[in-house]
mmCIF file of all heavy atoms, coordinates in Angstrom:
data_MODEL
# 
_entry.id   MODEL 
# 
loop_
_atom_site.group_PDB 
_atom_site.id 
_atom_site.type_symbol 
_atom_site.label_atom_id 
_atom_site.label_alt_id 
_atom_site.label_comp_id 
_atom_site.label_asym_id 
_atom_site.label_entity_id 
_atom_site.label_seq_id 
_atom_site.pdbx_PDB_ins_code 
_atom_site.Cartn_x 
_atom_site.Cartn_y 
_atom_site.Cartn_z 
_atom_site.occupancy 
_atom_site.B_iso_or_equiv 
_atom_site.pdbx_formal_charge 
_atom_site.auth_seq_id 
_atom_site.auth_comp_id 
_atom_site.auth_asym_id 
_atom_site.auth_atom_id 
_atom_site.pdbx_PDB_model_num 
ATOM 1   N N   . SER A 1 1  ? -4.675  14.223 -7.481  1.00 0.00 ? 1  SER A N   1 
ATOM 2   C CA  . SER A 1 1  ? -3.237  13.962 -7.450  1.00 0.00 ? 1  SER A CA  1 
ATOM 3   C C   . SER A 1 1  ? -2.939  12.929 -6.368  1.00 0.00 ? 1  SER A C   1 
ATOM 4   O O   . SER A 1 1  ? -3.455  13.029 -5.251  1.00 0.00 ? 1  SER A O   1 
ATOM 5   C CB  . SER A 1 1  ? -2.468  15.257 -7.164  1.00 0.00 ? 1  SER A CB  1 
ATOM 6   O OG  . SER A 1 1  ? -1.077  15.003 -7.074  1.00 0.00 ? 1  SER A OG  1 
ATOM 7   N N   . TYR A 1 2  ? -2.069  11.955 -6.697  1.00 0.00 ? 2  TYR A N   1 
ATOM 8   C CA  . TYR A 1 2  ? -1.799  10.852 -5.788  1.00 0.00 ? 2  TYR A CA  1 
ATOM 9   C C   . TYR A 1 2  ? -0.375  10.832 -5.239  1.00 0.00 ? 2  TYR A C   1 
ATOM 10  O O   . TYR A 1 2  ? 0.006   9.882  -4.561  1.00 0.00 ? 2  TYR A O   1 
ATOM 11  C CB  . TYR A 1 2  ? -2.083  9.526  -6.487  1.00 0.00 ? 2  TYR A CB  1 
ATOM 12  C CG  . TYR A 1 2  ? -3.555  9.258  -6.705  1.00 0.00 ? 2  TYR A CG  1 
ATOM 13  C CD1 . TYR A 1 2  ? -4.181  9.631  -7.877  1.00 0.00 ? 2  TYR A CD1 1 
ATOM 14  C CD2 . TYR A 1 2  ? -4.317  8.635  -5.714  1.00 0.00 ? 2  TYR A CD2 1 
ATOM 15  C CE1 . TYR A 1 2  ? -5.543  9.378  -8.079  1.00 0.00 ? 2  TYR A CE1 1 
ATOM 16  C CE2 . TYR A 1 2  ? -5.661  8.375  -5.904  1.00 0.00 ? 2  TYR A CE2 1 
ATOM 17  C CZ  . TYR A 1 2  ? -6.272  8.756  -7.087  1.00 0.00 ? 2  TYR A CZ  1 
ATOM 18  O OH  . TYR A 1 2  ? -7.610  8.510  -7.269  1.00 0.00 ? 2  TYR A OH  1 
ATOM 19  N N   . GLY A 1 3  ? 0.410   11.873 -5.518  1.00 0.00 ? 3  GLY A N   1 
ATOM 20  C CA  . GLY A 1 3  ? 1.763   11.830 -4.989  1.00 0.00 ? 3  GLY A CA  1 
ATOM 21  C C   . GLY A 1 3  ? 2.602   13.022 -5.410  1.00 0.00 ? 3  GLY A C   1 
ATOM 22  O O   . GLY A 1 3  ? 2.129   13.956 -6.046  1.00 0.00 ? 3  GLY A O   1 
ATOM 23  N N   . VAL A 1 4  ? 3.890   12.942 -5.027  1.00 0.00 ? 4  VAL A N   1 
ATOM 24  C CA  . VAL A 1 4  ? 4.836   14.014 -5.343  1.00 0.00 ? 4  VAL A CA  1 
ATOM 25  C C   . VAL A 1 4  ? 6.122   13.394 -5.869  1.00 0.00 ? 4  VAL A C   1 
ATOM 26  O O   . VAL A 1 4  ? 6.539   12.315 -5.437  1.00 0.00 ? 4  VAL A O   1 
ATOM 27  C CB  . VAL A 1 4  ? 5.113   14.885 -4.088  1.00 0.00 ? 4  VAL A CB  1 
ATOM 28  C CG1 . VAL A 1 4  ? 5.653   14.043 -2.944  1.00 0.00 ? 4  VAL A CG1 1 
ATOM 29  C CG2 . VAL A 1 4  ? 6.073   16.023 -4.405  1.00 0.00 ? 4  VAL A CG2 1 
ATOM 30  N N   . ARG A 1 5  ? 6.724   14.049 -6.824  1.00 0.00 ? 5  ARG A N   1 
ATOM 31  C CA  . ARG A 1 5  ? 8.016   13.625 -7.368  1.00 0.00 ? 5  ARG A CA  1 
ATOM 32  C C   . ARG A 1 5  ? 9.070   14.650 -6.968  1.00 0.00 ? 5  ARG A C   1 
ATOM 33  O O   . ARG A 1 5  ? 8.968   15.832 -7.325  1.00 0.00 ? 5  ARG A O   1 
ATOM 34  C CB  . ARG A 1 5  ? 7.947   13.503 -8.883  1.00 0.00 ? 5  ARG A CB  1 
ATOM 35  C CG  . ARG A 1 5  ? 9.307   13.276 -9.560  1.00 0.00 ? 5  ARG A CG  1 
ATOM 36  C CD  . ARG A 1 5  ? 9.154   13.192 -11.062 1.00 0.00 ? 5  ARG A CD  1 
ATOM 37  N NE  . ARG A 1 5  ? 8.476   11.951 -11.459 1.00 0.00 ? 5  ARG A NE  1 
ATOM 38  C CZ  . ARG A 1 5  ? 7.993   11.736 -12.675 1.00 0.00 ? 5  ARG A CZ  1 
ATOM 39  N NH1 . ARG A 1 5  ? 8.063   12.681 -13.598 1.00 0.00 ? 5  ARG A NH1 1 
ATOM 40  N NH2 . ARG A 1 5  ? 7.406   10.581 -12.959 1.00 0.00 ? 5  ARG A NH2 1 
ATOM 41  N N   . PHE A 1 6  ? 10.067  14.209 -6.209  1.00 0.00 ? 6  PHE A N   1 
ATOM 42  C CA  . PHE A 1 6  ? 11.204  15.045 -5.869  1.00 0.00 ? 6  PHE A CA  1 
ATOM 43  C C   . PHE A 1 6  ? 12.334  14.723 -6.842  1.00 0.00 ? 6  PHE A C   1 
ATOM 44  O O   . PHE A 1 6  ? 12.626  13.552 -7.110  1.00 0.00 ? 6  PHE A O   1 
ATOM 45  C CB  . PHE A 1 6  ? 11.695  14.759 -4.449  1.00 0.00 ? 6  PHE A CB  1 
ATOM 46  C CG  . PHE A 1 6  ? 10.729  15.181 -3.368  1.00 0.00 ? 6  PHE A CG  1 
ATOM 47  C CD1 . PHE A 1 6  ? 9.995   14.231 -2.675  1.00 0.00 ? 6  PHE A CD1 1 
ATOM 48  C CD2 . PHE A 1 6  ? 10.567  16.513 -3.042  1.00 0.00 ? 6  PHE A CD2 1 
ATOM 49  C CE1 . PHE A 1 6  ? 9.121   14.605 -1.674  1.00 0.00 ? 6  PHE A CE1 1 
ATOM 50  C CE2 . PHE A 1 6  ? 9.685   16.898 -2.043  1.00 0.00 ? 6  PHE A CE2 1 
ATOM 51  C CZ  . PHE A 1 6  ? 8.963   15.944 -1.361  1.00 0.00 ? 6  PHE A CZ  1 
ATOM 52  N N   . VAL A 1 7  ? 12.986  15.751 -7.357  1.00 0.00 ? 7  VAL A N   1 
ATOM 53  C CA  . VAL A 1 7  ? 14.144  15.547 -8.218  1.00 0.00 ? 7  VAL A CA  1 
ATOM 54  C C   . VAL A 1 7  ? 15.345  16.197 -7.539  1.00 0.00 ? 7  VAL A C   1 
ATOM 55  O O   . VAL A 1 7  ? 15.356  17.407 -7.299  1.00 0.00 ? 7  VAL A O   1 
ATOM 56  C CB  . VAL A 1 7  ? 13.932  16.143 -9.620  1.00 0.00 ? 7  VAL A CB  1 
ATOM 57  C CG1 . VAL A 1 7  ? 15.157  15.871 -10.498 1.00 0.00 ? 7  VAL A CG1 1 
ATOM 58  C CG2 . VAL A 1 7  ? 12.682  15.548 -10.270 1.00 0.00 ? 7  VAL A CG2 1 
ATOM 59  N N   . ALA A 1 8  ? 16.332  15.378 -7.186  1.00 0.00 ? 8  ALA A N   1 
ATOM 60  C CA  . ALA A 1 8  ? 17.494  15.853 -6.446  1.00 0.00 ? 8  ALA A CA  1 
ATOM 61  C C   . ALA A 1 8  ? 18.376  16.735 -7.322  1.00 0.00 ? 8  ALA A C   1 
ATOM 62  O O   . ALA A 1 8  ? 18.257  16.737 -8.553  1.00 0.00 ? 8  ALA A O   1 
ATOM 63  C CB  . ALA A 1 8  ? 18.289  14.646 -5.936  1.00 0.00 ? 8  ALA A CB  1 
ATOM 64  N N   . PRO A 1 9  ? 19.289  17.485 -6.715  1.00 0.00 ? 9  PRO A N   1 
ATOM 65  C CA  . PRO A 1 9  ? 20.200  18.336 -7.495  1.00 0.00 ? 9  PRO A CA  1 
ATOM 66  C C   . PRO A 1 9  ? 21.018  17.574 -8.532  1.00 0.00 ? 9  PRO A C   1 
ATOM 67  O O   . PRO A 1 9  ? 21.401  18.139 -9.560  1.00 0.00 ? 9  PRO A O   1 
ATOM 68  C CB  . PRO A 1 9  ? 21.105  18.951 -6.420  1.00 0.00 ? 9  PRO A CB  1 
ATOM 69  C CG  . PRO A 1 9  ? 20.259  18.990 -5.196  1.00 0.00 ? 9  PRO A CG  1 
ATOM 70  C CD  . PRO A 1 9  ? 19.431  17.732 -5.259  1.00 0.00 ? 9  PRO A CD  1 
ATOM 71  N N   . ASN A 1 10 ? 21.254  16.281 -8.282  1.00 0.00 ? 10 ASN A N   1 
ATOM 72  C CA  . ASN A 1 10 ? 21.999  15.486 -9.269  1.00 0.00 ? 10 ASN A CA  1 
ATOM 73  C C   . ASN A 1 10 ? 21.120  14.982 -10.408 1.00 0.00 ? 10 ASN A C   1 
ATOM 74  O O   . ASN A 1 10 ? 21.576  14.259 -11.283 1.00 0.00 ? 10 ASN A O   1 
ATOM 75  C CB  . ASN A 1 10 ? 22.710  14.304 -8.594  1.00 0.00 ? 10 ASN A CB  1 
ATOM 76  C CG  . ASN A 1 10 ? 21.736  13.320 -7.949  1.00 0.00 ? 10 ASN A CG  1 
ATOM 77  O OD1 . ASN A 1 10 ? 20.518  13.440 -8.081  1.00 0.00 ? 10 ASN A OD1 1 
ATOM 78  N ND2 . ASN A 1 10 ? 22.280  12.333 -7.242  1.00 0.00 ? 10 ASN A ND2 1 
ATOM 79  N N   . GLY A 1 11 ? 19.824  15.353 -10.375 1.00 0.00 ? 11 GLY A N   1 
ATOM 80  C CA  . GLY A 1 11 ? 18.911  14.995 -11.457 1.00 0.00 ? 11 GLY A CA  1 
ATOM 81  C C   . GLY A 1 11 ? 18.161  13.706 -11.263 1.00 0.00 ? 11 GLY A C   1 
ATOM 82  O O   . GLY A 1 11 ? 17.331  13.336 -12.103 1.00 0.00 ? 11 GLY A O   1 
ATOM 83  N N   . ARG A 1 12 ? 18.418  12.999 -10.167 1.00 0.00 ? 12 ARG A N   1 
ATOM 84  C CA  . ARG A 1 12 ? 17.756  11.715 -9.945  1.00 0.00 ? 12 ARG A CA  1 
ATOM 85  C C   . ARG A 1 12 ? 16.374  11.941 -9.350  1.00 0.00 ? 12 ARG A C   1 
ATOM 86  O O   . ARG A 1 12 ? 16.219  12.652 -8.351  1.00 0.00 ? 12 ARG A O   1 
ATOM 87  C CB  . ARG A 1 12 ? 18.570  10.840 -9.014  1.00 0.00 ? 12 ARG A CB  1 
ATOM 88  C CG  . ARG A 1 12 ? 18.079  9.404  -8.956  1.00 0.00 ? 12 ARG A CG  1 
ATOM 89  C CD  . ARG A 1 12 ? 19.159  8.474  -8.459  1.00 0.00 ? 12 ARG A CD  1 
ATOM 90  N NE  . ARG A 1 12 ? 18.796  7.069  -8.686  1.00 0.00 ? 12 ARG A NE  1 
ATOM 91  C CZ  . ARG A 1 12 ? 19.637  6.058  -8.548  1.00 0.00 ? 12 ARG A CZ  1 
ATOM 92  N NH1 . ARG A 1 12 ? 20.893  6.287  -8.198  1.00 0.00 ? 12 ARG A NH1 1 
ATOM 93  N NH2 . ARG A 1 12 ? 19.249  4.819  -8.782  1.00 0.00 ? 12 ARG A NH2 1 
ATOM 94  N N   . PRO A 1 13 ? 15.326  11.341 -9.922  1.00 0.00 ? 13 PRO A N   1 
ATOM 95  C CA  . PRO A 1 13 ? 13.964  11.532 -9.414  1.00 0.00 ? 13 PRO A CA  1 
ATOM 96  C C   . PRO A 1 13 ? 13.609  10.529 -8.323  1.00 0.00 ? 13 PRO A C   1 
ATOM 97  O O   . PRO A 1 13 ? 14.165  9.429  -8.264  1.00 0.00 ? 13 PRO A O   1 
ATOM 98  C CB  . PRO A 1 13 ? 13.099  11.311 -10.651 1.00 0.00 ? 13 PRO A CB  1 
ATOM 99  C CG  . PRO A 1 13 ? 13.871  10.308 -11.447 1.00 0.00 ? 13 PRO A CG  1 
ATOM 100 C CD  . PRO A 1 13 ? 15.329  10.611 -11.209 1.00 0.00 ? 13 PRO A CD  1 
ATOM 101 N N   . MET A 1 14 ? 12.682  10.916 -7.483  1.00 0.00 ? 14 MET A N   1 
ATOM 102 C CA  . MET A 1 14 ? 12.156  10.027 -6.447  1.00 0.00 ? 14 MET A CA  1 
ATOM 103 C C   . MET A 1 14 ? 10.658  10.250 -6.363  1.00 0.00 ? 14 MET A C   1 
ATOM 104 O O   . MET A 1 14 ? 10.203  11.350 -6.022  1.00 0.00 ? 14 MET A O   1 
ATOM 105 C CB  . MET A 1 14 ? 12.822  10.337 -5.100  1.00 0.00 ? 14 MET A CB  1 
ATOM 106 C CG  . MET A 1 14 ? 12.269  9.529  -3.925  1.00 0.00 ? 14 MET A CG  1 
ATOM 107 S SD  . MET A 1 14 ? 13.203  9.842  -2.384  1.00 0.00 ? 14 MET A SD  1 
ATOM 108 C CE  . MET A 1 14 ? 12.884  11.595 -2.116  1.00 0.00 ? 14 MET A CE  1 
ATOM 109 N N   . ASN A 1 15 ? 9.879   9.223  -6.713  1.00 0.00 ? 15 ASN A N   1 
ATOM 110 C CA  . ASN A 1 15 ? 8.428   9.317  -6.656  1.00 0.00 ? 15 ASN A CA  1 
ATOM 111 C C   . ASN A 1 15 ? 7.922   8.865  -5.293  1.00 0.00 ? 15 ASN A C   1 
ATOM 112 O O   . ASN A 1 15 ? 8.243   7.762  -4.842  1.00 0.00 ? 15 ASN A O   1 
ATOM 113 C CB  . ASN A 1 15 ? 7.789   8.456  -7.750  1.00 0.00 ? 15 ASN A CB  1 
ATOM 114 C CG  . ASN A 1 15 ? 8.043   9.010  -9.137  1.00 0.00 ? 15 ASN A CG  1 
ATOM 115 O OD1 . ASN A 1 15 ? 8.158   10.218 -9.323  1.00 0.00 ? 15 ASN A OD1 1 
ATOM 116 N ND2 . ASN A 1 15 ? 8.146   8.131  -10.113 1.00 0.00 ? 15 ASN A ND2 1 
ATOM 117 N N   . ILE A 1 16 ? 7.132   9.720  -4.651  1.00 0.00 ? 16 ILE A N   1 
ATOM 118 C CA  . ILE A 1 16 ? 6.586   9.413  -3.334  1.00 0.00 ? 16 ILE A CA  1 
ATOM 119 C C   . ILE A 1 16 ? 5.060   9.433  -3.426  1.00 0.00 ? 16 ILE A C   1 
ATOM 120 O O   . ILE A 1 16 ? 4.448   10.504 -3.497  1.00 0.00 ? 16 ILE A O   1 
ATOM 121 C CB  . ILE A 1 16 ? 7.044   10.426 -2.265  1.00 0.00 ? 16 ILE A CB  1 
ATOM 122 C CG1 . ILE A 1 16 ? 8.571   10.505 -2.221  1.00 0.00 ? 16 ILE A CG1 1 
ATOM 123 C CG2 . ILE A 1 16 ? 6.473   10.060 -0.905  1.00 0.00 ? 16 ILE A CG2 1 
ATOM 124 C CD1 . ILE A 1 16 ? 9.248   9.249  -1.763  1.00 0.00 ? 16 ILE A CD1 1 
ATOM 125 N N   . PRO A 1 17 ? 4.407   8.272  -3.459  1.00 0.00 ? 17 PRO A N   1 
ATOM 126 C CA  . PRO A 1 17 ? 2.935   8.256  -3.466  1.00 0.00 ? 17 PRO A CA  1 
ATOM 127 C C   . PRO A 1 17 ? 2.403   8.689  -2.108  1.00 0.00 ? 17 PRO A C   1 
ATOM 128 O O   . PRO A 1 17 ? 3.037   8.454  -1.071  1.00 0.00 ? 17 PRO A O   1 
ATOM 129 C CB  . PRO A 1 17 ? 2.600   6.795  -3.763  1.00 0.00 ? 17 PRO A CB  1 
ATOM 130 C CG  . PRO A 1 17 ? 3.787   6.024  -3.279  1.00 0.00 ? 17 PRO A CG  1 
ATOM 131 C CD  . PRO A 1 17 ? 4.981   6.909  -3.484  1.00 0.00 ? 17 PRO A CD  1 
ATOM 132 N N   . PHE A 1 18 ? 1.257   9.348  -2.107  1.00 0.00 ? 18 PHE A N   1 
ATOM 133 C CA  . PHE A 1 18 ? 0.655   9.776  -0.851  1.00 0.00 ? 18 PHE A CA  1 
ATOM 134 C C   . PHE A 1 18 ? 0.069   8.607  -0.067  1.00 0.00 ? 18 PHE A C   1 
ATOM 135 O O   . PHE A 1 18 ? -0.104  8.693  1.141   1.00 0.00 ? 18 PHE A O   1 
ATOM 136 C CB  . PHE A 1 18 ? -0.436  10.812 -1.113  1.00 0.00 ? 18 PHE A CB  1 
ATOM 137 C CG  . PHE A 1 18 ? 0.095   12.127 -1.627  1.00 0.00 ? 18 PHE A CG  1 
ATOM 138 C CD1 . PHE A 1 18 ? -0.594  12.822 -2.612  1.00 0.00 ? 18 PHE A CD1 1 
ATOM 139 C CD2 . PHE A 1 18 ? 1.269   12.669 -1.127  1.00 0.00 ? 18 PHE A CD2 1 
ATOM 140 C CE1 . PHE A 1 18 ? -0.118  14.045 -3.079  1.00 0.00 ? 18 PHE A CE1 1 
ATOM 141 C CE2 . PHE A 1 18 ? 1.745   13.881 -1.596  1.00 0.00 ? 18 PHE A CE2 1 
ATOM 142 C CZ  . PHE A 1 18 ? 1.056   14.571 -2.581  1.00 0.00 ? 18 PHE A CZ  1 
ATOM 143 N N   . TYR A 1 19 ? -0.257  7.514  -0.780  1.00 0.00 ? 19 TYR A N   1 
ATOM 144 C CA  . TYR A 1 19 ? -0.754  6.314  -0.124  1.00 0.00 ? 19 TYR A CA  1 
ATOM 145 C C   . TYR A 1 19 ? 0.293   5.216  -0.242  1.00 0.00 ? 19 TYR A C   1 
ATOM 146 O O   . TYR A 1 19 ? 0.749   4.901  -1.346  1.00 0.00 ? 19 TYR A O   1 
ATOM 147 C CB  . TYR A 1 19 ? -2.041  5.814  -0.784  1.00 0.00 ? 19 TYR A CB  1 
ATOM 148 C CG  . TYR A 1 19 ? -3.267  6.652  -0.528  1.00 0.00 ? 19 TYR A CG  1 
ATOM 149 C CD1 . TYR A 1 19 ? -4.142  6.947  -1.570  1.00 0.00 ? 19 TYR A CD1 1 
ATOM 150 C CD2 . TYR A 1 19 ? -3.557  7.138  0.742   1.00 0.00 ? 19 TYR A CD2 1 
ATOM 151 C CE1 . TYR A 1 19 ? -5.282  7.702  -1.345  1.00 0.00 ? 19 TYR A CE1 1 
ATOM 152 C CE2 . TYR A 1 19 ? -4.691  7.891  0.977   1.00 0.00 ? 19 TYR A CE2 1 
ATOM 153 C CZ  . TYR A 1 19 ? -5.552  8.173  -0.077  1.00 0.00 ? 19 TYR A CZ  1 
ATOM 154 O OH  . TYR A 1 19 ? -6.668  8.923  0.159   1.00 0.00 ? 19 TYR A OH  1 
ATOM 155 N N   . ALA A 1 20 ? 0.678   4.629  0.889   1.00 0.00 ? 20 ALA A N   1 
ATOM 156 C CA  . ALA A 1 20 ? 1.622   3.513  0.846   1.00 0.00 ? 20 ALA A CA  1 
ATOM 157 C C   . ALA A 1 20 ? 0.988   2.310  0.157   1.00 0.00 ? 20 ALA A C   1 
ATOM 158 O O   . ALA A 1 20 ? 1.627   1.632  -0.656  1.00 0.00 ? 20 ALA A O   1 
ATOM 159 C CB  . ALA A 1 20 ? 2.057   3.152  2.265   1.00 0.00 ? 20 ALA A CB  1 
ATOM 160 N N   . GLN A 1 21 ? -0.276  2.034  0.489   1.00 0.00 ? 21 GLN A N   1 
ATOM 161 C CA  . GLN A 1 21 ? -1.016  0.940  -0.147  1.00 0.00 ? 21 GLN A CA  1 
ATOM 162 C C   . GLN A 1 21 ? -2.410  1.468  -0.497  1.00 0.00 ? 21 GLN A C   1 
ATOM 163 O O   . GLN A 1 21 ? -3.294  1.508  0.341   1.00 0.00 ? 21 GLN A O   1 
ATOM 164 C CB  . GLN A 1 21 ? -1.120  -0.262 0.787   1.00 0.00 ? 21 GLN A CB  1 
ATOM 165 C CG  . GLN A 1 21 ? 0.211   -0.945 1.044   1.00 0.00 ? 21 GLN A CG  1 
ATOM 166 C CD  . GLN A 1 21 ? 0.059   -2.183 1.909   1.00 0.00 ? 21 GLN A CD  1 
ATOM 167 O OE1 . GLN A 1 21 ? -0.898  -2.326 2.654   1.00 0.00 ? 21 GLN A OE1 1 
ATOM 168 N NE2 . GLN A 1 21 ? 1.017   -3.093 1.797   1.00 0.00 ? 21 GLN A NE2 1 
ATOM 169 N N   . ARG A 1 22 ? -2.551  1.865  -1.712  1.00 0.00 ? 22 ARG A N   1 
ATOM 170 C CA  . ARG A 1 22 ? -3.803  2.466  -2.152  1.00 0.00 ? 22 ARG A CA  1 
ATOM 171 C C   . ARG A 1 22 ? -4.853  1.393  -2.417  1.00 0.00 ? 22 ARG A C   1 
ATOM 172 O O   . ARG A 1 22 ? -4.590  0.403  -3.108  1.00 0.00 ? 22 ARG A O   1 
ATOM 173 C CB  . ARG A 1 22 ? -3.543  3.289  -3.415  1.00 0.00 ? 22 ARG A CB  1 
ATOM 174 C CG  . ARG A 1 22 ? -4.759  3.989  -3.971  1.00 0.00 ? 22 ARG A CG  1 
ATOM 175 C CD  . ARG A 1 22 ? -4.323  4.863  -5.122  1.00 0.00 ? 22 ARG A CD  1 
ATOM 176 N NE  . ARG A 1 22 ? -5.382  5.073  -6.072  1.00 0.00 ? 22 ARG A NE  1 
ATOM 177 C CZ  . ARG A 1 22 ? -5.198  5.461  -7.329  1.00 0.00 ? 22 ARG A CZ  1 
ATOM 178 N NH1 . ARG A 1 22 ? -3.966  5.660  -7.772  1.00 0.00 ? 22 ARG A NH1 1 
ATOM 179 N NH2 . ARG A 1 22 ? -6.217  5.630  -8.135  1.00 0.00 ? 22 ARG A NH2 1 
ATOM 180 N N   . GLN A 1 23 ? -6.024  1.608  -1.855  1.00 0.00 ? 23 GLN A N   1 
ATOM 181 C CA  . GLN A 1 23 ? -7.132  0.677  -2.054  1.00 0.00 ? 23 GLN A CA  1 
ATOM 182 C C   . GLN A 1 23 ? -7.903  1.040  -3.321  1.00 0.00 ? 23 GLN A C   1 
ATOM 183 O O   . GLN A 1 23 ? -7.980  2.212  -3.702  1.00 0.00 ? 23 GLN A O   1 
ATOM 184 C CB  . GLN A 1 23 ? -8.079  0.724  -0.848  1.00 0.00 ? 23 GLN A CB  1 
ATOM 185 C CG  . GLN A 1 23 ? -7.408  0.444  0.482   1.00 0.00 ? 23 GLN A CG  1 
ATOM 186 C CD  . GLN A 1 23 ? -6.788  -0.935 0.535   1.00 0.00 ? 23 GLN A CD  1 
ATOM 187 O OE1 . GLN A 1 23 ? -7.397  -1.913 0.098   1.00 0.00 ? 23 GLN A OE1 1 
ATOM 188 N NE2 . GLN A 1 23 ? -5.580  -1.021 1.082   1.00 0.00 ? 23 GLN A NE2 1 
ATOM 189 N N   . GLN A 1 24 ? -8.477  0.036  -3.959  1.00 0.00 ? 24 GLN A N   1 
ATOM 190 C CA  . GLN A 1 24 ? -9.238  0.282  -5.174  1.00 0.00 ? 24 GLN A CA  1 
ATOM 191 C C   . GLN A 1 24 ? -10.413 1.208  -4.880  1.00 0.00 ? 24 GLN A C   1 
ATOM 192 O O   . GLN A 1 24 ? -11.161 1.011  -3.931  1.00 0.00 ? 24 GLN A O   1 
ATOM 193 C CB  . GLN A 1 24 ? -9.746  -1.038 -5.762  1.00 0.00 ? 24 GLN A CB  1 
ATOM 194 C CG  . GLN A 1 24 ? -10.429 -0.874 -7.114  1.00 0.00 ? 24 GLN A CG  1 
ATOM 195 C CD  . GLN A 1 24 ? -10.783 -2.222 -7.733  1.00 0.00 ? 24 GLN A CD  1 
ATOM 196 O OE1 . GLN A 1 24 ? -10.611 -3.258 -7.109  1.00 0.00 ? 24 GLN A OE1 1 
ATOM 197 N NE2 . GLN A 1 24 ? -11.279 -2.200 -8.956  1.00 0.00 ? 24 GLN A NE2 1 
ATOM 198 N N   . GLY A 1 25 ? -10.533 2.228  -5.701  1.00 0.00 ? 25 GLY A N   1 
ATOM 199 C CA  . GLY A 1 25 ? -11.621 3.188  -5.538  1.00 0.00 ? 25 GLY A CA  1 
ATOM 200 C C   . GLY A 1 25 ? -11.363 4.241  -4.480  1.00 0.00 ? 25 GLY A C   1 
ATOM 201 O O   . GLY A 1 25 ? -12.212 5.109  -4.264  1.00 0.00 ? 25 GLY A O   1 
# 
């Protein structure tokens, strides 16, 4: 798993990757 998705009470999603800049491999 590479991140988390928060969904606010108003239904709007926010995707937060665990890596700000993921390197290949």
